[in-house]
Amino acid sequence: MKQKLLALLLVGVLITTAGCSGLTGTDTTAPNEDTAMGVEDSDPSTETVTGDNLPAGVTTNGIQNSTKLIDTHIEQLNGTAYRSKIAVNSGYSELDNSSSTTSSGAEQVNIVEVIEPSEDQHRIDITGIDKNGVRRTSSIWKNGKYLNMDRSDAPQGANYTRTHGMGTANFITSVGKFTAYAYLNSSMQQLNYSVAGMTTVNGQDVVELTATQETQLDGESAKVESTMHITPDGVILGSTVTTPTKDSPLAEYEVTDYGSATAEKPEWMQNIPAVTADFSENNKLITLTHNGGAPVADGTSISVRQGVSLSGATTLSQLDSGEKAYLYYANSTDSDSQQLQVSTTKPSDLSNAVSLDDGKVNIVLNGDVSIQLTYNLEN
C-alpha cells in the first residue's frame, strides 16, 4: 500500500511538474479557498439504498466499475457550471523520498477551478507550499478564446501573459478534469469502497461510500480512511482520504455550486491590457483595440508575422483603455520588401498595403506583459 499511496497523493504534485501550473512567487488567494468540504446533514442509512439510488458503476456491494462511475461524473460536469477543488498534502517522509515530490519541491498543492460554460469563462487558481513553507501561486483566467495568466516566472521576466488562438487555451479547460480523473481513478483502484448508505450533503441526497486500509506513514503503521459522496445521477460531490494522525486530509476532492457557479474575473486582470485584434479592408488592416486593464506601455515592441515570407516589427505609443492602433504592411517603393506600419488614426489610403493571405497570423507584443495573439484568416 505504501507505493500505491504515494501514487494517490502525488497526483496533484505531478501537475505542478508538468508545466501547466507555472507556480509563482506571488501570494494570490484562490477564490473562496477556505470553503469547507460539503457538510453532511445526516447519518448514512443503508435501509434506503436501492438500485434507483445507486449511480452507474456502483452496486450495493460497492464500486463495481470505476471507469463507468468516473466517466459518468465527467459527463455530468461537461457543459455545466461548477466549482471544484483538489487538495493534496504530501508532508510525509515516504513522500519526501519520491523524486516526483523533490523535483517540484511542493508538499501541499491546492487546485481550485471554476467553470461557467454559458459565459465561456474558466478560472483556475493553484497554490503550492514547499518544504520550507514558501507559498507559490498561479492563476489562470480564460475568457472566450483569450487566456490570461498571472505568473512571475514567465518568459523574458513578464509578470503576466495573454494569449489567443493557441493550444494552451484548449488544454487549460481540461486540466481540472484530468487531475480529478487521475485522483479518483487512483483512489478507486487502491481502496476497496463499500456502500455505507444514503445521506444528505448540503441538502442533496447522496450515496455514501467508505473505505479503510493500513499503510506506513513516517515509518509508522497508520490507518487510511476514505469517504466518497455521489449523487444518484453520478456526480461525485466529495472524496476525502484521511488518517487519524493528521488533522487535515491527505487528499480531498469536492464539487460545489453545481449548475450555478460563477467564474469571477480575478483582480489581477487589471494588470493585463485586454488587447484584441480585428482584420478588415480585405485583410490589409489590423485594428488593435484596448478593452480595459493596464495600458500598453509606450515603446512596446510589436511584431506581425505570417509564414516565413512576411515578418516585421515596430513600436507602439502608449495605448490606454478604449484606444486603438492600426497596423498594416506597406510595399516598399524601392524594393520588393514590405514594411510594418503603425498609426494611431485609421489610414484613409491602403492602396499600397498588402493583403494578408489565408492562414495563421501571429501578433506578439513584448513589454511588461507578454501578449501573443494568433488568428486564422479566411478571405
Protein backbone atom coordinates (compact mmCIF):
# COMPACT_ATOMS: atom_id res chain seq x y z
CA MET A 1 0.00 0.00 0.00
CA LYS A 2 2.94 2.34 0.62
CA GLN A 3 3.83 2.86 -3.04
CA LYS A 4 0.19 2.88 -4.06
CA LEU A 5 -0.49 5.63 -1.54
CA LEU A 6 2.38 7.64 -3.00
CA ALA A 7 0.76 7.47 -6.43
CA LEU A 8 -2.53 8.63 -4.97
CA LEU A 9 -1.11 11.63 -3.12
CA LEU A 10 1.28 12.73 -5.84
CA VAL A 11 -1.41 13.25 -8.49
CA GLY A 12 -1.69 16.93 -7.61
CA VAL A 13 2.06 17.34 -7.16
CA LEU A 14 2.80 15.89 -10.58
CA ILE A 15 0.55 18.53 -12.12
CA THR A 16 2.98 21.17 -10.84
CA THR A 17 5.91 19.46 -12.60
CA ALA A 18 4.12 19.13 -15.93
CA GLY A 19 4.43 22.83 -16.74
CA CYS A 20 0.72 23.60 -16.75
CA SER A 21 0.61 25.30 -13.37
CA GLY A 22 3.54 27.69 -13.57
CA LEU A 23 3.69 28.09 -9.78
CA THR A 24 4.97 31.56 -8.99
CA GLY A 25 6.32 33.55 -6.09
CA THR A 26 3.26 35.77 -5.73
CA ASP A 27 0.68 35.36 -2.97
CA THR A 28 -2.61 35.32 -4.81
CA THR A 29 -5.58 33.98 -2.84
CA ALA A 30 -7.75 31.47 -4.63
CA PRO A 31 -11.47 32.28 -4.79
CA ASN A 32 -13.26 31.01 -1.68
CA GLU A 33 -10.19 28.92 -0.89
CA ASP A 34 -11.22 28.44 2.73
CA THR A 35 -14.61 26.98 1.83
CA ALA A 36 -15.12 23.79 3.84
CA MET A 37 -15.95 20.46 2.30
CA GLY A 38 -19.67 19.71 1.95
CA VAL A 39 -21.46 19.40 5.27
CA GLU A 40 -23.08 16.02 5.86
CA ASP A 41 -26.59 16.66 7.12
CA SER A 42 -27.45 13.20 8.46
CA ASP A 43 -26.01 9.81 9.30
CA PRO A 44 -26.00 7.34 6.41
CA SER A 45 -28.75 4.71 6.41
CA THR A 46 -28.31 1.51 4.44
CA GLU A 47 -32.05 0.87 4.62
CA THR A 48 -32.79 3.50 1.97
CA VAL A 49 -30.24 2.31 -0.61
CA THR A 50 -31.93 0.86 -3.67
CA GLY A 51 -30.97 0.29 -7.28
CA ASP A 52 -32.67 3.58 -8.16
CA ASN A 53 -30.38 5.46 -5.76
CA LEU A 54 -27.13 3.96 -6.97
CA PRO A 55 -25.10 5.77 -9.64
CA ALA A 56 -23.68 3.99 -12.68
CA GLY A 57 -20.80 1.68 -11.73
CA VAL A 58 -21.97 1.22 -8.12
CA THR A 59 -23.97 -1.67 -6.65
CA THR A 60 -25.00 -2.41 -3.08
CA ASN A 61 -21.67 -4.26 -2.77
CA GLY A 62 -19.61 -1.16 -3.61
CA ILE A 63 -17.85 0.17 -6.71
CA GLN A 64 -18.03 -2.49 -9.41
CA ASN A 65 -16.98 -0.41 -12.44
CA SER A 66 -14.79 2.58 -11.53
CA THR A 67 -14.31 3.61 -15.17
CA LYS A 68 -18.05 3.86 -15.73
CA LEU A 69 -18.51 5.79 -12.49
CA ILE A 70 -15.78 8.35 -13.29
CA ASP A 71 -16.84 8.69 -16.93
CA THR A 72 -20.40 9.39 -15.79
CA HIS A 73 -19.09 12.02 -13.36
CA ILE A 74 -17.08 13.78 -16.09
CA GLU A 75 -20.03 13.62 -18.50
CA GLN A 76 -22.25 15.27 -15.89
CA LEU A 77 -19.70 18.08 -15.49
CA ASN A 78 -19.41 18.73 -19.24
CA GLY A 79 -21.33 21.84 -20.23
CA THR A 80 -22.31 22.57 -16.61
CA ALA A 81 -21.22 25.39 -14.33
CA TYR A 82 -19.44 24.15 -11.21
CA ARG A 83 -16.63 24.78 -8.76
CA SER A 84 -14.12 22.04 -7.92
CA LYS A 85 -11.24 21.73 -5.51
CA ILE A 86 -8.39 19.24 -5.25
CA ALA A 87 -6.05 19.44 -2.27
CA VAL A 88 -3.05 17.16 -1.66
CA ASN A 89 -0.79 17.06 1.40
CA SER A 90 2.41 15.06 0.85
CA GLY A 91 4.28 16.01 4.01
CA TYR A 92 5.49 12.52 5.00
CA SER A 93 8.96 11.00 4.85
CA GLU A 94 7.80 8.31 2.42
CA LEU A 95 6.78 11.07 0.03
CA ASP A 96 9.89 13.19 0.66
CA ASN A 97 11.96 10.35 -0.79
CA SER A 98 9.97 10.43 -4.02
CA SER A 99 11.75 12.01 -6.97
CA SER A 100 8.46 13.48 -8.15
CA THR A 101 7.96 15.36 -4.90
CA THR A 102 11.51 16.64 -4.60
CA SER A 103 11.65 17.74 -8.24
CA SER A 104 8.70 20.07 -7.76
CA GLY A 105 9.51 20.97 -4.17
CA ALA A 106 5.80 21.05 -3.35
CA GLU A 107 4.48 19.32 -0.24
CA GLN A 108 0.99 20.78 -0.42
CA VAL A 109 -0.95 21.52 -3.57
CA ASN A 110 -4.37 23.14 -3.82
CA ILE A 111 -6.19 23.47 -7.15
CA VAL A 112 -9.42 25.45 -7.30
CA GLU A 113 -11.31 25.52 -10.59
CA VAL A 114 -14.48 27.42 -11.51
CA ILE A 115 -16.18 26.83 -14.86
CA GLU A 116 -19.05 28.88 -16.31
CA PRO A 117 -19.77 27.44 -19.78
CA SER A 118 -22.65 29.80 -20.62
CA GLU A 119 -20.22 32.74 -20.49
CA ASP A 120 -17.27 30.72 -21.82
CA GLN A 121 -15.32 31.62 -18.69
CA HIS A 122 -12.88 29.41 -16.84
CA ARG A 123 -10.71 30.16 -13.81
CA ILE A 124 -8.02 28.04 -12.16
CA ASP A 125 -6.05 29.01 -9.05
CA ILE A 126 -3.15 26.79 -7.99
CA THR A 127 -1.35 27.10 -4.67
CA GLY A 128 1.75 25.15 -3.65
CA ILE A 129 3.65 25.14 -0.36
CA ASP A 130 7.17 23.69 -0.34
CA LYS A 131 9.16 22.02 2.45
CA ASN A 132 10.33 25.41 3.71
CA GLY A 133 6.82 26.77 3.99
CA VAL A 134 7.21 29.02 0.94
CA ARG A 135 3.87 29.64 -0.71
CA ARG A 136 3.69 29.82 -4.52
CA THR A 137 0.62 30.53 -6.58
CA SER A 138 -0.52 30.66 -10.17
CA SER A 139 -3.80 31.97 -11.51
CA ILE A 140 -5.33 31.40 -14.93
CA TRP A 141 -8.34 33.18 -16.42
CA LYS A 142 -9.86 32.08 -19.73
CA ASN A 143 -12.50 34.35 -21.21
CA GLY A 144 -13.69 33.14 -24.60
CA LYS A 145 -10.64 32.40 -26.72
CA TYR A 146 -8.36 34.64 -24.67
CA LEU A 147 -6.20 33.06 -21.97
CA ASN A 148 -4.60 35.20 -19.25
CA MET A 149 -2.05 34.06 -16.68
CA ASP A 150 -0.59 35.59 -13.54
CA ARG A 151 2.90 34.13 -13.21
CA SER A 152 6.17 35.78 -12.26
CA ASP A 153 8.38 33.16 -13.94
CA ALA A 154 7.03 33.78 -17.45
CA PRO A 155 9.49 34.01 -20.36
CA GLN A 156 11.52 37.23 -20.54
CA GLY A 157 10.54 38.09 -16.99
CA ALA A 158 6.99 39.21 -17.79
CA ASN A 159 4.70 39.00 -14.76
CA TYR A 160 1.60 38.38 -16.83
CA THR A 161 0.79 36.75 -20.16
CA ARG A 162 -2.17 36.94 -22.54
CA THR A 163 -2.71 34.59 -25.46
CA HIS A 164 -5.30 33.94 -28.16
CA GLY A 165 -5.77 31.05 -30.56
CA MET A 166 -3.05 28.87 -29.04
CA GLY A 167 -3.40 25.24 -27.94
CA THR A 168 -2.86 26.27 -24.32
CA ALA A 169 -6.37 27.70 -24.11
CA ASN A 170 -7.92 24.35 -25.02
CA PHE A 171 -5.54 22.44 -22.78
CA ILE A 172 -6.32 24.55 -19.72
CA THR A 173 -10.01 23.70 -19.91
CA SER A 174 -9.20 20.03 -19.34
CA VAL A 175 -6.57 20.37 -16.60
CA GLY A 176 -9.04 20.17 -13.72
CA LYS A 177 -10.93 17.21 -15.19
CA PHE A 178 -7.68 15.40 -15.98
CA THR A 179 -6.45 15.85 -12.41
CA ALA A 180 -9.80 14.80 -10.96
CA TYR A 181 -9.91 11.73 -13.20
CA ALA A 182 -6.40 10.69 -12.16
CA TYR A 183 -7.09 11.18 -8.45
CA LEU A 184 -10.48 9.47 -8.45
CA ASN A 185 -9.26 6.55 -10.56
CA SER A 186 -6.21 6.08 -8.32
CA SER A 187 -8.25 6.08 -5.11
CA MET A 188 -10.88 3.70 -6.51
CA GLN A 189 -8.22 1.27 -7.74
CA GLN A 190 -6.30 1.27 -4.46
CA LEU A 191 -9.10 1.38 -1.88
CA ASN A 192 -11.95 -1.09 -1.53
CA TYR A 193 -15.08 1.05 -1.13
CA SER A 194 -18.32 -0.26 0.32
CA VAL A 195 -21.75 1.38 0.43
CA ALA A 196 -22.44 2.90 3.83
CA GLY A 197 -25.90 4.13 2.93
CA MET A 198 -27.82 7.19 1.82
CA THR A 199 -27.24 10.59 3.40
CA THR A 200 -27.62 14.25 2.51
CA VAL A 201 -24.84 16.73 1.83
CA ASN A 202 -25.73 20.41 1.67
CA GLY A 203 -29.36 19.37 1.34
CA GLN A 204 -28.73 16.96 -1.55
CA ASP A 205 -29.34 13.20 -1.41
CA VAL A 206 -26.14 11.23 -1.96
CA VAL A 207 -24.81 7.70 -1.67
CA GLU A 208 -22.00 7.47 0.88
CA LEU A 209 -19.14 5.03 0.26
CA THR A 210 -16.34 4.33 2.73
CA ALA A 211 -13.01 2.51 2.70
CA THR A 212 -10.30 1.71 5.27
CA GLN A 213 -6.76 0.42 4.69
CA GLU A 214 -3.48 0.06 6.61
CA THR A 215 -0.26 1.68 5.36
CA GLN A 216 3.05 3.22 6.51
CA LEU A 217 3.46 6.95 7.18
CA ASP A 218 6.67 8.39 8.65
CA GLY A 219 7.79 4.81 9.28
CA GLU A 220 4.81 4.05 11.48
CA SER A 221 1.78 1.90 10.83
CA ALA A 222 -1.19 4.08 10.03
CA LYS A 223 -4.81 3.64 9.06
CA VAL A 224 -6.03 5.44 5.95
CA GLU A 225 -9.74 6.13 5.67
CA SER A 226 -11.73 7.46 2.74
CA THR A 227 -15.27 8.73 2.30
CA MET A 228 -16.99 9.46 -1.00
CA HIS A 229 -20.35 11.13 -1.67
CA ILE A 230 -22.06 10.58 -5.03
CA THR A 231 -25.45 11.75 -6.29
CA PRO A 232 -27.74 9.10 -7.80
CA ASP A 233 -27.09 10.54 -11.27
CA GLY A 234 -23.33 10.12 -10.82
CA VAL A 235 -21.89 13.48 -9.73
CA ILE A 236 -19.07 12.88 -7.23
CA LEU A 237 -19.59 15.76 -4.81
CA GLY A 238 -16.75 14.81 -2.49
CA SER A 239 -13.93 12.36 -1.86
CA THR A 240 -11.52 12.53 1.06
CA VAL A 241 -8.54 10.43 2.15
CA THR A 242 -7.67 10.92 5.83
CA THR A 243 -5.58 9.41 8.61
CA PRO A 244 -6.26 9.76 12.36
CA THR A 245 -2.68 11.01 12.90
CA LYS A 246 -3.22 14.20 10.88
CA ASP A 247 -5.78 16.96 11.33
CA SER A 248 -6.14 17.80 7.64
CA PRO A 249 -6.93 15.25 4.90
CA LEU A 250 -4.11 13.63 2.94
CA ALA A 251 -6.13 14.32 -0.19
CA GLU A 252 -9.57 15.68 -0.95
CA TYR A 253 -11.75 16.47 -3.94
CA GLU A 254 -15.05 18.32 -3.96
CA VAL A 255 -17.59 19.75 -6.39
CA THR A 256 -19.79 22.62 -5.24
CA ASP A 257 -22.12 25.18 -6.86
CA TYR A 258 -23.09 22.52 -9.39
CA GLY A 259 -25.17 24.21 -12.07
CA SER A 260 -24.78 27.70 -10.59
CA ALA A 261 -21.07 28.56 -10.28
CA THR A 262 -19.83 31.97 -11.43
CA ALA A 263 -16.24 32.31 -12.66
CA GLU A 264 -15.43 35.76 -11.33
CA LYS A 265 -12.85 37.86 -13.10
CA PRO A 266 -9.68 37.95 -10.95
CA GLU A 267 -8.45 41.29 -9.61
CA TRP A 268 -5.05 40.83 -11.22
CA MET A 269 -6.66 41.22 -14.65
CA GLN A 270 -6.37 44.97 -14.08
CA ASN A 271 -2.63 44.47 -14.67
CA ILE A 272 -3.12 42.96 -18.13
CA PRO A 273 -4.01 45.02 -21.21
CA ALA A 274 -7.11 43.32 -22.63
CA VAL A 275 -5.91 43.78 -26.21
CA THR A 276 -7.77 42.24 -29.15
CA ALA A 277 -7.10 42.33 -32.90
CA ASP A 278 -9.52 42.57 -35.82
CA PHE A 279 -8.86 42.36 -39.56
CA SER A 280 -10.59 44.43 -42.23
CA GLU A 281 -10.13 46.01 -45.69
CA ASN A 282 -9.57 42.65 -47.37
CA ASN A 283 -7.23 41.70 -44.52
CA LYS A 284 -4.96 44.64 -45.23
CA LEU A 285 -5.67 46.43 -41.94
CA ILE A 286 -5.18 45.13 -38.39
CA THR A 287 -7.03 47.08 -35.71
CA LEU A 288 -5.57 46.63 -32.24
CA THR A 289 -8.16 47.58 -29.60
CA HIS A 290 -7.51 48.11 -25.90
CA ASN A 291 -10.58 46.86 -23.98
CA GLY A 292 -9.50 47.59 -20.41
CA GLY A 293 -6.83 46.81 -17.85
CA ALA A 294 -3.31 48.24 -17.73
CA PRO A 295 -2.11 50.45 -20.59
CA VAL A 296 0.23 49.14 -23.26
CA ALA A 297 3.45 50.94 -22.35
CA ASP A 298 4.98 53.49 -24.70
CA GLY A 299 7.72 51.89 -26.79
CA THR A 300 6.32 48.36 -26.53
CA SER A 301 7.65 46.23 -29.40
CA ILE A 302 5.03 44.61 -31.63
CA SER A 303 5.63 42.11 -34.42
CA VAL A 304 3.26 40.69 -37.01
CA ARG A 305 4.23 37.52 -38.82
CA GLN A 306 2.60 35.25 -41.38
CA GLY A 307 4.52 32.23 -42.58
CA VAL A 308 8.19 32.74 -43.46
CA SER A 309 7.82 35.46 -46.10
CA LEU A 310 6.05 38.17 -44.10
CA SER A 311 7.62 39.27 -40.83
CA GLY A 312 8.28 42.65 -39.33
CA ALA A 313 8.30 44.66 -36.11
CA THR A 314 7.73 48.20 -34.92
CA THR A 315 6.94 50.01 -31.65
CA LEU A 316 3.69 51.29 -30.22
CA SER A 317 2.89 54.55 -28.49
CA GLN A 318 1.10 54.17 -25.15
CA LEU A 319 -2.30 52.59 -25.66
CA ASP A 320 -4.94 53.17 -22.99
CA SER A 321 -8.35 51.59 -22.47
CA GLY A 322 -10.71 52.45 -25.33
CA GLU A 323 -7.90 53.44 -27.70
CA LYS A 324 -6.91 51.75 -30.96
CA ALA A 325 -3.77 51.28 -33.00
CA TYR A 326 -3.77 50.43 -36.70
CA LEU A 327 -1.17 48.20 -38.35
CA TYR A 328 -0.56 47.21 -41.94
CA TYR A 329 2.21 46.06 -44.24
CA ALA A 330 3.14 48.55 -46.96
CA ASN A 331 5.03 47.67 -50.12
CA SER A 332 8.42 49.37 -50.24
CA THR A 333 8.86 51.84 -53.11
CA ASP A 334 12.49 50.92 -53.77
CA SER A 335 12.50 47.15 -53.18
CA ASP A 336 10.33 44.04 -53.13
CA SER A 337 10.12 44.08 -49.33
CA GLN A 338 7.21 45.07 -47.10
CA GLN A 339 7.42 47.28 -44.03
CA LEU A 340 5.16 47.05 -40.98
CA GLN A 341 3.48 50.41 -40.36
CA VAL A 342 1.59 51.63 -37.27
CA SER A 343 -0.76 54.57 -36.85
CA THR A 344 -2.94 55.95 -34.05
CA THR A 345 -5.54 57.02 -36.62
CA LYS A 346 -7.22 54.84 -39.19
CA PRO A 347 -5.40 55.22 -42.53
CA SER A 348 -7.56 56.52 -45.37
CA ASP A 349 -5.42 55.15 -48.20
CA LEU A 350 -4.44 51.48 -48.20
CA SER A 351 -3.73 51.17 -51.92
CA ASN A 352 -0.10 50.34 -51.17
CA ALA A 353 -0.94 47.92 -48.36
CA VAL A 354 -0.51 44.16 -48.55
CA SER A 355 -3.48 41.80 -48.14
CA LEU A 356 -2.65 39.03 -45.72
CA ASP A 357 -3.15 35.50 -47.06
CA ASP A 358 -5.43 32.85 -45.65
CA GLY A 359 -3.88 31.09 -42.69
CA LYS A 360 -2.41 31.94 -39.35
CA VAL A 361 -1.22 35.40 -38.37
CA ASN A 362 0.88 35.82 -35.21
CA ILE A 363 0.89 39.13 -33.34
CA VAL A 364 3.33 39.47 -30.44
CA LEU A 365 3.69 42.36 -28.01
CA ASN A 366 6.85 42.27 -25.88
CA GLY A 367 6.72 44.56 -22.88
CA ASP A 368 5.82 44.41 -19.21
CA VAL A 369 3.09 41.97 -20.26
CA SER A 370 3.77 39.23 -22.80
CA ILE A 371 0.90 39.15 -25.32
CA GLN A 372 0.75 36.52 -28.07
CA LEU A 373 -2.27 36.57 -30.36
CA THR A 374 -2.81 34.01 -33.13
CA TYR A 375 -5.64 34.33 -35.64
CA ASN A 376 -6.64 32.10 -38.53
CA LEU A 377 -7.64 34.23 -41.51
CA GLU A 378 -10.11 33.34 -44.24
CA ASN A 379 -10.57 35.84 -47.07
